[in-house]
Amino acid sequence: MLQFSIKHFNELTTLELYSLLSLRAEVFVVEQCCAYQDCDHKDQNSYHLLGYDMNELVAYARLLPVGMSYEHYCSIGRVATSLNARNKGYGKQLMIEAIRFCDHHFSNGIKISAQAYLEKFYQALGFITVSTPYLEDDIPHIAMIKEKQL
């Protein structure tokens, strides 16, 4: 079971910021061979969900308020699990915690830009596909929405 910490950007320690940026680079730049601009000026106005296993950051998601990525929805992005922590259910735990936070702290539903191969994973968490596949950083993605839980 992961231990979670959720912090606004201004609350992150230097070590936490370094760790989350390192994990994002490990997964998105190195593993997925995708050169993209990770520091997109959205981190400063977002919350950061950190998932620890034995004091090691192994799972992460960025929680963006309404209007940061989508006009009428909050968003969950930069969802990453360390390669050495896969197949332990951490991704599902991370997303359940992220959805819980968004439902409690933001006023609208959640919209995500999901990598297309993860469509069934997100559907199992209640997201509905609302677009055809499109390329984002040369990787097939789909837009998905989850209405706010009451």
N, C-alpha and C. Protein backbone atom coordinates (compact mmCIF):
# COMPACT_ATOMS: atom_id res chain seq x y z
N MET A 1 0.84 -1.18 0.00
CA MET A 1 0.00 0.00 0.00
C MET A 1 0.89 1.25 0.00
N LEU A 2 0.59 2.15 -0.89
CA LEU A 2 1.36 3.38 -0.97
C LEU A 2 0.99 4.34 0.16
N GLN A 3 1.94 5.14 0.54
CA GLN A 3 1.71 6.25 1.46
C GLN A 3 1.65 7.51 0.60
N PHE A 4 0.57 8.29 0.74
CA PHE A 4 0.38 9.45 -0.12
C PHE A 4 0.61 10.75 0.61
N SER A 5 1.08 11.71 -0.16
CA SER A 5 1.22 13.08 0.28
C SER A 5 0.72 13.95 -0.86
N ILE A 6 -0.12 14.92 -0.57
CA ILE A 6 -0.61 15.87 -1.57
C ILE A 6 -0.18 17.25 -1.13
N LYS A 7 0.54 17.93 -2.02
CA LYS A 7 1.04 19.26 -1.68
C LYS A 7 0.85 20.21 -2.86
N HIS A 8 0.53 21.45 -2.53
CA HIS A 8 0.55 22.49 -3.54
C HIS A 8 2.02 22.76 -3.86
N PHE A 9 2.28 23.27 -5.04
CA PHE A 9 3.66 23.52 -5.47
C PHE A 9 4.46 24.29 -4.42
N ASN A 10 3.85 25.31 -3.82
CA ASN A 10 4.55 26.15 -2.84
C ASN A 10 4.93 25.40 -1.57
N GLU A 11 4.32 24.24 -1.35
CA GLU A 11 4.59 23.44 -0.14
C GLU A 11 5.66 22.38 -0.37
N LEU A 12 6.02 22.13 -1.62
CA LEU A 12 7.00 21.09 -1.92
C LEU A 12 8.38 21.49 -1.41
N THR A 13 9.08 20.51 -0.85
CA THR A 13 10.49 20.76 -0.52
C THR A 13 11.30 20.64 -1.80
N THR A 14 12.52 21.11 -1.74
CA THR A 14 13.42 20.99 -2.89
C THR A 14 13.63 19.53 -3.26
N LEU A 15 13.79 18.67 -2.27
CA LEU A 15 13.99 17.25 -2.52
C LEU A 15 12.74 16.62 -3.16
N GLU A 16 11.55 16.99 -2.70
CA GLU A 16 10.32 16.46 -3.30
C GLU A 16 10.19 16.90 -4.75
N LEU A 17 10.48 18.17 -5.02
CA LEU A 17 10.40 18.67 -6.39
C LEU A 17 11.41 17.94 -7.28
N TYR A 18 12.62 17.77 -6.81
CA TYR A 18 13.64 17.06 -7.57
C TYR A 18 13.18 15.62 -7.85
N SER A 19 12.63 14.95 -6.83
CA SER A 19 12.19 13.56 -6.97
C SER A 19 11.06 13.44 -7.99
N LEU A 20 10.08 14.33 -7.94
CA LEU A 20 8.95 14.21 -8.87
C LEU A 20 9.38 14.54 -10.30
N LEU A 21 10.24 15.53 -10.46
CA LEU A 21 10.74 15.83 -11.81
C LEU A 21 11.60 14.69 -12.35
N SER A 22 12.36 14.06 -11.48
CA SER A 22 13.17 12.91 -11.87
C SER A 22 12.30 11.74 -12.31
N LEU A 23 11.23 11.47 -11.55
CA LEU A 23 10.31 10.37 -11.91
C LEU A 23 9.62 10.67 -13.23
N ARG A 24 9.18 11.90 -13.43
CA ARG A 24 8.54 12.26 -14.69
C ARG A 24 9.50 12.08 -15.85
N ALA A 25 10.76 12.49 -15.70
CA ALA A 25 11.75 12.32 -16.76
C ALA A 25 12.03 10.84 -17.01
N GLU A 26 12.12 10.05 -15.93
CA GLU A 26 12.36 8.61 -16.05
C GLU A 26 11.30 7.95 -16.92
N VAL A 27 10.04 8.28 -16.67
CA VAL A 27 8.94 7.63 -17.38
C VAL A 27 8.70 8.24 -18.75
N PHE A 28 8.52 9.55 -18.82
CA PHE A 28 8.08 10.17 -20.06
C PHE A 28 9.20 10.45 -21.05
N VAL A 29 10.36 10.83 -20.59
CA VAL A 29 11.46 11.18 -21.50
C VAL A 29 12.30 9.94 -21.83
N VAL A 30 12.77 9.23 -20.80
CA VAL A 30 13.68 8.11 -21.02
C VAL A 30 12.92 6.86 -21.48
N GLU A 31 11.99 6.38 -20.66
CA GLU A 31 11.29 5.14 -20.99
C GLU A 31 10.48 5.25 -22.28
N GLN A 32 9.74 6.35 -22.43
CA GLN A 32 8.87 6.50 -23.60
C GLN A 32 9.55 7.21 -24.76
N CYS A 33 10.83 7.52 -24.59
CA CYS A 33 11.63 8.16 -25.66
C CYS A 33 10.90 9.36 -26.25
N CYS A 34 10.44 10.24 -25.39
CA CYS A 34 9.65 11.38 -25.83
C CYS A 34 10.31 12.67 -25.35
N ALA A 35 10.88 13.40 -26.29
CA ALA A 35 11.45 14.70 -25.94
C ALA A 35 10.32 15.72 -25.98
N TYR A 36 10.00 16.29 -24.83
CA TYR A 36 8.93 17.28 -24.75
C TYR A 36 9.26 18.25 -23.63
N GLN A 37 8.57 19.38 -23.61
CA GLN A 37 8.79 20.40 -22.60
C GLN A 37 7.98 20.05 -21.35
N ASP A 38 8.60 19.40 -20.39
CA ASP A 38 7.90 18.97 -19.17
C ASP A 38 7.53 20.16 -18.29
N CYS A 39 8.43 21.08 -18.11
CA CYS A 39 8.16 22.26 -17.28
C CYS A 39 7.35 23.25 -18.11
N ASP A 40 6.02 23.19 -17.94
CA ASP A 40 5.10 23.93 -18.79
C ASP A 40 4.40 25.09 -18.07
N HIS A 41 4.92 25.47 -16.92
CA HIS A 41 4.38 26.58 -16.12
C HIS A 41 3.00 26.28 -15.52
N LYS A 42 2.61 25.01 -15.50
CA LYS A 42 1.37 24.63 -14.83
C LYS A 42 1.64 24.07 -13.43
N ASP A 43 2.86 23.63 -13.18
CA ASP A 43 3.20 23.05 -11.89
C ASP A 43 2.95 24.02 -10.74
N GLN A 44 3.27 25.29 -10.96
CA GLN A 44 3.20 26.28 -9.88
C GLN A 44 1.79 26.50 -9.35
N ASN A 45 0.77 26.24 -10.15
CA ASN A 45 -0.62 26.44 -9.74
C ASN A 45 -1.35 25.12 -9.51
N SER A 46 -0.61 24.05 -9.38
CA SER A 46 -1.20 22.71 -9.25
C SER A 46 -0.88 22.08 -7.90
N TYR A 47 -1.59 21.00 -7.64
CA TYR A 47 -1.29 20.14 -6.50
C TYR A 47 -0.53 18.94 -7.04
N HIS A 48 0.30 18.36 -6.18
CA HIS A 48 1.15 17.26 -6.59
C HIS A 48 0.92 16.09 -5.65
N LEU A 49 0.48 14.97 -6.24
CA LEU A 49 0.19 13.76 -5.48
C LEU A 49 1.41 12.85 -5.56
N LEU A 50 2.01 12.61 -4.41
CA LEU A 50 3.23 11.83 -4.31
C LEU A 50 2.92 10.50 -3.63
N GLY A 51 3.27 9.39 -4.28
CA GLY A 51 3.04 8.07 -3.73
C GLY A 51 4.35 7.40 -3.38
N TYR A 52 4.50 7.07 -2.10
CA TYR A 52 5.76 6.51 -1.59
C TYR A 52 5.61 5.04 -1.21
N ASP A 53 6.62 4.27 -1.53
CA ASP A 53 6.77 2.90 -1.07
C ASP A 53 8.11 2.84 -0.34
N MET A 54 8.06 2.62 0.96
CA MET A 54 9.29 2.56 1.77
C MET A 54 10.12 3.84 1.60
N ASN A 55 9.48 4.99 1.68
CA ASN A 55 10.11 6.30 1.59
C ASN A 55 10.72 6.61 0.22
N GLU A 56 10.40 5.83 -0.79
CA GLU A 56 10.86 6.10 -2.15
C GLU A 56 9.67 6.53 -3.00
N LEU A 57 9.80 7.65 -3.71
CA LEU A 57 8.74 8.10 -4.60
C LEU A 57 8.64 7.15 -5.78
N VAL A 58 7.51 6.46 -5.90
CA VAL A 58 7.33 5.49 -6.98
C VAL A 58 6.11 5.80 -7.86
N ALA A 59 5.26 6.73 -7.41
CA ALA A 59 4.06 7.07 -8.18
C ALA A 59 3.78 8.56 -8.00
N TYR A 60 3.25 9.17 -9.06
CA TYR A 60 3.06 10.62 -9.04
C TYR A 60 1.93 11.01 -9.99
N ALA A 61 1.20 12.06 -9.62
CA ALA A 61 0.23 12.68 -10.53
C ALA A 61 0.12 14.16 -10.20
N ARG A 62 -0.12 14.94 -11.23
CA ARG A 62 -0.32 16.38 -11.07
C ARG A 62 -1.81 16.66 -11.16
N LEU A 63 -2.33 17.43 -10.20
CA LEU A 63 -3.76 17.73 -10.11
C LEU A 63 -3.95 19.21 -10.42
N LEU A 64 -4.62 19.46 -11.53
CA LEU A 64 -4.75 20.82 -12.03
C LEU A 64 -6.16 21.36 -11.81
N PRO A 65 -6.29 22.55 -11.24
CA PRO A 65 -7.60 23.16 -11.02
C PRO A 65 -8.33 23.44 -12.34
N VAL A 66 -9.62 23.68 -12.25
CA VAL A 66 -10.43 24.06 -13.40
C VAL A 66 -9.79 25.27 -14.09
N GLY A 67 -9.70 25.21 -15.40
CA GLY A 67 -9.17 26.31 -16.18
C GLY A 67 -7.69 26.22 -16.49
N MET A 68 -6.95 25.35 -15.81
CA MET A 68 -5.51 25.23 -16.08
C MET A 68 -5.25 24.50 -17.40
N SER A 69 -5.94 23.41 -17.64
CA SER A 69 -5.80 22.67 -18.90
C SER A 69 -7.09 22.69 -19.71
N TYR A 70 -8.22 22.70 -19.02
CA TYR A 70 -9.52 22.66 -19.67
C TYR A 70 -10.44 23.69 -19.03
N GLU A 71 -11.19 24.39 -19.86
CA GLU A 71 -12.02 25.50 -19.39
C GLU A 71 -13.02 25.10 -18.33
N HIS A 72 -13.67 23.96 -18.48
CA HIS A 72 -14.76 23.59 -17.57
C HIS A 72 -14.45 22.41 -16.66
N TYR A 73 -13.23 21.93 -16.69
CA TYR A 73 -12.87 20.74 -15.92
C TYR A 73 -11.53 20.93 -15.21
N CYS A 74 -11.40 20.25 -14.07
CA CYS A 74 -10.08 20.09 -13.49
C CYS A 74 -9.43 18.94 -14.26
N SER A 75 -8.17 18.66 -13.98
CA SER A 75 -7.49 17.61 -14.73
C SER A 75 -6.46 16.90 -13.87
N ILE A 76 -6.20 15.66 -14.24
CA ILE A 76 -5.13 14.86 -13.65
C ILE A 76 -4.15 14.58 -14.77
N GLY A 77 -2.89 14.91 -14.55
CA GLY A 77 -1.91 14.72 -15.60
C GLY A 77 -0.57 14.26 -15.06
N ARG A 78 0.35 14.02 -15.98
CA ARG A 78 1.69 13.56 -15.64
C ARG A 78 1.64 12.33 -14.71
N VAL A 79 0.66 11.46 -14.95
CA VAL A 79 0.50 10.26 -14.13
C VAL A 79 1.66 9.31 -14.45
N ALA A 80 2.43 8.96 -13.43
CA ALA A 80 3.62 8.15 -13.66
C ALA A 80 3.85 7.18 -12.51
N THR A 81 4.28 5.99 -12.87
CA THR A 81 4.71 4.98 -11.90
C THR A 81 6.10 4.52 -12.32
N SER A 82 7.01 4.48 -11.38
CA SER A 82 8.37 4.06 -11.65
C SER A 82 8.39 2.65 -12.24
N LEU A 83 9.28 2.43 -13.18
CA LEU A 83 9.36 1.14 -13.86
C LEU A 83 9.53 -0.01 -12.87
N ASN A 84 10.32 0.18 -11.82
CA ASN A 84 10.56 -0.91 -10.86
C ASN A 84 9.40 -1.09 -9.88
N ALA A 85 8.34 -0.30 -10.02
CA ALA A 85 7.19 -0.41 -9.12
C ALA A 85 5.91 -0.79 -9.87
N ARG A 86 6.05 -1.29 -11.07
CA ARG A 86 4.88 -1.63 -11.88
C ARG A 86 4.28 -2.97 -11.46
N ASN A 87 3.04 -3.18 -11.85
CA ASN A 87 2.31 -4.43 -11.61
C ASN A 87 2.09 -4.72 -10.13
N LYS A 88 1.98 -3.66 -9.33
CA LYS A 88 1.68 -3.80 -7.91
C LYS A 88 0.38 -3.11 -7.55
N GLY A 89 -0.33 -2.61 -8.54
CA GLY A 89 -1.58 -1.91 -8.30
C GLY A 89 -1.40 -0.45 -7.89
N TYR A 90 -0.18 0.06 -8.01
CA TYR A 90 0.08 1.43 -7.57
C TYR A 90 -0.61 2.47 -8.46
N GLY A 91 -0.69 2.20 -9.74
CA GLY A 91 -1.36 3.13 -10.64
C GLY A 91 -2.82 3.32 -10.27
N LYS A 92 -3.48 2.23 -9.95
CA LYS A 92 -4.89 2.31 -9.55
C LYS A 92 -5.02 3.05 -8.22
N GLN A 93 -4.17 2.72 -7.25
CA GLN A 93 -4.20 3.42 -5.96
C GLN A 93 -4.00 4.92 -6.16
N LEU A 94 -3.03 5.26 -7.01
CA LEU A 94 -2.73 6.66 -7.29
C LEU A 94 -3.94 7.37 -7.88
N MET A 95 -4.57 6.77 -8.86
CA MET A 95 -5.70 7.40 -9.52
C MET A 95 -6.91 7.51 -8.58
N ILE A 96 -7.16 6.52 -7.76
CA ILE A 96 -8.26 6.61 -6.80
C ILE A 96 -8.04 7.79 -5.86
N GLU A 97 -6.81 7.96 -5.39
CA GLU A 97 -6.49 9.08 -4.50
C GLU A 97 -6.62 10.41 -5.25
N ALA A 98 -6.17 10.46 -6.50
CA ALA A 98 -6.26 11.67 -7.30
C ALA A 98 -7.72 12.06 -7.55
N ILE A 99 -8.55 11.09 -7.90
CA ILE A 99 -9.97 11.35 -8.13
C ILE A 99 -10.64 11.83 -6.85
N ARG A 100 -10.32 11.20 -5.74
CA ARG A 100 -10.88 11.61 -4.45
C ARG A 100 -10.55 13.08 -4.14
N PHE A 101 -9.29 13.45 -4.34
CA PHE A 101 -8.87 14.83 -4.10
C PHE A 101 -9.61 15.79 -5.02
N CYS A 102 -9.66 15.48 -6.30
CA CYS A 102 -10.33 16.36 -7.27
C CYS A 102 -11.81 16.52 -6.94
N ASP A 103 -12.48 15.43 -6.60
CA ASP A 103 -13.90 15.51 -6.25
C ASP A 103 -14.13 16.37 -5.02
N HIS A 104 -13.21 16.35 -4.09
CA HIS A 104 -13.36 17.10 -2.83
C HIS A 104 -12.96 18.57 -2.96
N HIS A 105 -11.95 18.86 -3.79
CA HIS A 105 -11.39 20.22 -3.83
C HIS A 105 -11.76 21.05 -5.05
N PHE A 106 -12.22 20.43 -6.11
CA PHE A 106 -12.54 21.17 -7.32
C PHE A 106 -14.03 21.03 -7.63
N SER A 107 -14.60 22.03 -8.30
CA SER A 107 -16.05 22.11 -8.43
C SER A 107 -16.63 21.27 -9.56
N ASN A 108 -15.86 20.95 -10.59
CA ASN A 108 -16.42 20.25 -11.74
C ASN A 108 -15.86 18.84 -11.86
N GLY A 109 -16.25 18.17 -12.95
CA GLY A 109 -15.71 16.85 -13.23
C GLY A 109 -14.25 16.93 -13.65
N ILE A 110 -13.72 15.78 -14.04
CA ILE A 110 -12.30 15.66 -14.39
C ILE A 110 -12.18 15.32 -15.87
N LYS A 111 -11.29 16.01 -16.56
CA LYS A 111 -10.98 15.69 -17.94
C LYS A 111 -9.49 15.36 -18.02
N ILE A 112 -9.17 14.30 -18.75
CA ILE A 112 -7.78 13.89 -18.91
C ILE A 112 -7.46 13.67 -20.38
N SER A 113 -6.19 13.79 -20.69
CA SER A 113 -5.67 13.41 -21.99
C SER A 113 -4.87 12.14 -21.72
N ALA A 114 -5.47 11.00 -21.99
CA ALA A 114 -4.89 9.70 -21.63
C ALA A 114 -4.17 9.07 -22.81
N GLN A 115 -3.06 8.43 -22.53
CA GLN A 115 -2.43 7.64 -23.59
C GLN A 115 -3.41 6.56 -24.01
N ALA A 116 -3.61 6.42 -25.30
CA ALA A 116 -4.67 5.57 -25.84
C ALA A 116 -4.60 4.12 -25.34
N TYR A 117 -3.41 3.60 -25.13
CA TYR A 117 -3.30 2.20 -24.70
C TYR A 117 -3.83 1.99 -23.28
N LEU A 118 -4.04 3.07 -22.53
CA LEU A 118 -4.55 2.99 -21.16
C LEU A 118 -6.06 3.24 -21.07
N GLU A 119 -6.75 3.25 -22.21
CA GLU A 119 -8.18 3.56 -22.23
C GLU A 119 -8.98 2.66 -21.29
N LYS A 120 -8.78 1.36 -21.34
CA LYS A 120 -9.54 0.43 -20.49
C LYS A 120 -9.23 0.65 -19.00
N PHE A 121 -7.98 0.97 -18.68
CA PHE A 121 -7.60 1.26 -17.30
C PHE A 121 -8.42 2.43 -16.77
N TYR A 122 -8.48 3.51 -17.54
CA TYR A 122 -9.23 4.69 -17.09
C TYR A 122 -10.74 4.46 -17.13
N GLN A 123 -11.22 3.69 -18.08
CA GLN A 123 -12.65 3.36 -18.12
C GLN A 123 -13.05 2.60 -16.86
N ALA A 124 -12.19 1.72 -16.39
CA ALA A 124 -12.48 0.96 -15.17
C ALA A 124 -12.57 1.87 -13.94
N LEU A 125 -12.01 3.07 -14.04
CA LEU A 125 -12.07 4.05 -12.95
C LEU A 125 -13.22 5.03 -13.14
N GLY A 126 -14.05 4.82 -14.17
CA GLY A 126 -15.23 5.66 -14.39
C GLY A 126 -15.09 6.73 -15.44
N PHE A 127 -13.97 6.78 -16.15
CA PHE A 127 -13.80 7.78 -17.21
C PHE A 127 -14.48 7.30 -18.48
N ILE A 128 -15.01 8.25 -19.23
CA ILE A 128 -15.69 7.96 -20.50
C ILE A 128 -14.88 8.62 -21.62
N THR A 129 -14.64 7.88 -22.67
CA THR A 129 -13.90 8.39 -23.82
C THR A 129 -14.78 9.39 -24.58
N VAL A 130 -14.22 10.58 -24.86
CA VAL A 130 -15.00 11.62 -25.53
C VAL A 130 -14.33 12.14 -26.80
N SER A 131 -13.32 11.42 -27.29
CA SER A 131 -12.66 11.84 -28.53
C SER A 131 -12.16 10.63 -29.28
N THR A 132 -11.83 10.86 -30.52
CA THR A 132 -11.10 9.85 -31.28
C THR A 132 -9.62 10.04 -30.94
N PRO A 133 -8.78 9.05 -31.22
CA PRO A 133 -7.35 9.19 -30.92
C PRO A 133 -6.72 10.39 -31.65
N TYR A 134 -5.79 11.04 -30.97
CA TYR A 134 -5.03 12.14 -31.54
C TYR A 134 -3.60 12.02 -31.04
N LEU A 135 -2.68 12.67 -31.72
CA LEU A 135 -1.28 12.62 -31.32
C LEU A 135 -0.95 13.78 -30.40
N GLU A 136 -0.32 13.45 -29.29
CA GLU A 136 0.22 14.45 -28.37
C GLU A 136 1.67 14.05 -28.14
N ASP A 137 2.59 14.88 -28.53
CA ASP A 137 4.02 14.55 -28.46
C ASP A 137 4.33 13.24 -29.18
N ASP A 138 3.65 13.03 -30.31
CA ASP A 138 3.82 11.85 -31.16
C ASP A 138 3.39 10.54 -30.51
N ILE A 139 2.56 10.63 -29.46
CA ILE A 139 2.02 9.44 -28.79
C ILE A 139 0.50 9.50 -28.90
N PRO A 140 -0.16 8.41 -29.33
CA PRO A 140 -1.63 8.43 -29.43
C PRO A 140 -2.28 8.65 -28.06
N HIS A 141 -3.19 9.61 -28.00
CA HIS A 141 -3.94 9.96 -26.80
C HIS A 141 -5.43 10.01 -27.11
N ILE A 142 -6.24 10.00 -26.06
CA ILE A 142 -7.67 10.21 -26.17
C ILE A 142 -8.12 11.11 -25.02
N ALA A 143 -9.14 11.91 -25.28
CA ALA A 143 -9.73 12.74 -24.22
C ALA A 143 -10.76 11.89 -23.49
N MET A 144 -10.76 11.99 -22.16
CA MET A 144 -11.70 11.23 -21.34
C MET A 144 -12.23 12.14 -20.23
N ILE A 145 -13.48 11.91 -19.83
CA ILE A 145 -14.12 12.71 -18.79
C ILE A 145 -14.71 11.79 -17.72
N LYS A 146 -14.62 12.24 -16.48
CA LYS A 146 -15.27 11.57 -15.35
C LYS A 146 -16.07 12.64 -14.63
N GLU A 147 -17.35 12.43 -14.53
CA GLU A 147 -18.20 13.40 -13.85
C GLU A 147 -17.92 13.36 -12.36
N LYS A 148 -18.12 14.49 -11.71
CA LYS A 148 -17.87 14.62 -10.28
C LYS A 148 -18.74 13.66 -9.48
N GLN A 149 -18.13 12.99 -8.49
CA GLN A 149 -18.85 12.09 -7.60
C GLN A 149 -19.51 12.93 -6.51
N LEU A 150 -20.73 12.65 -6.21
CA LEU A 150 -21.44 13.41 -5.18
C LEU A 150 -21.23 12.81 -3.81
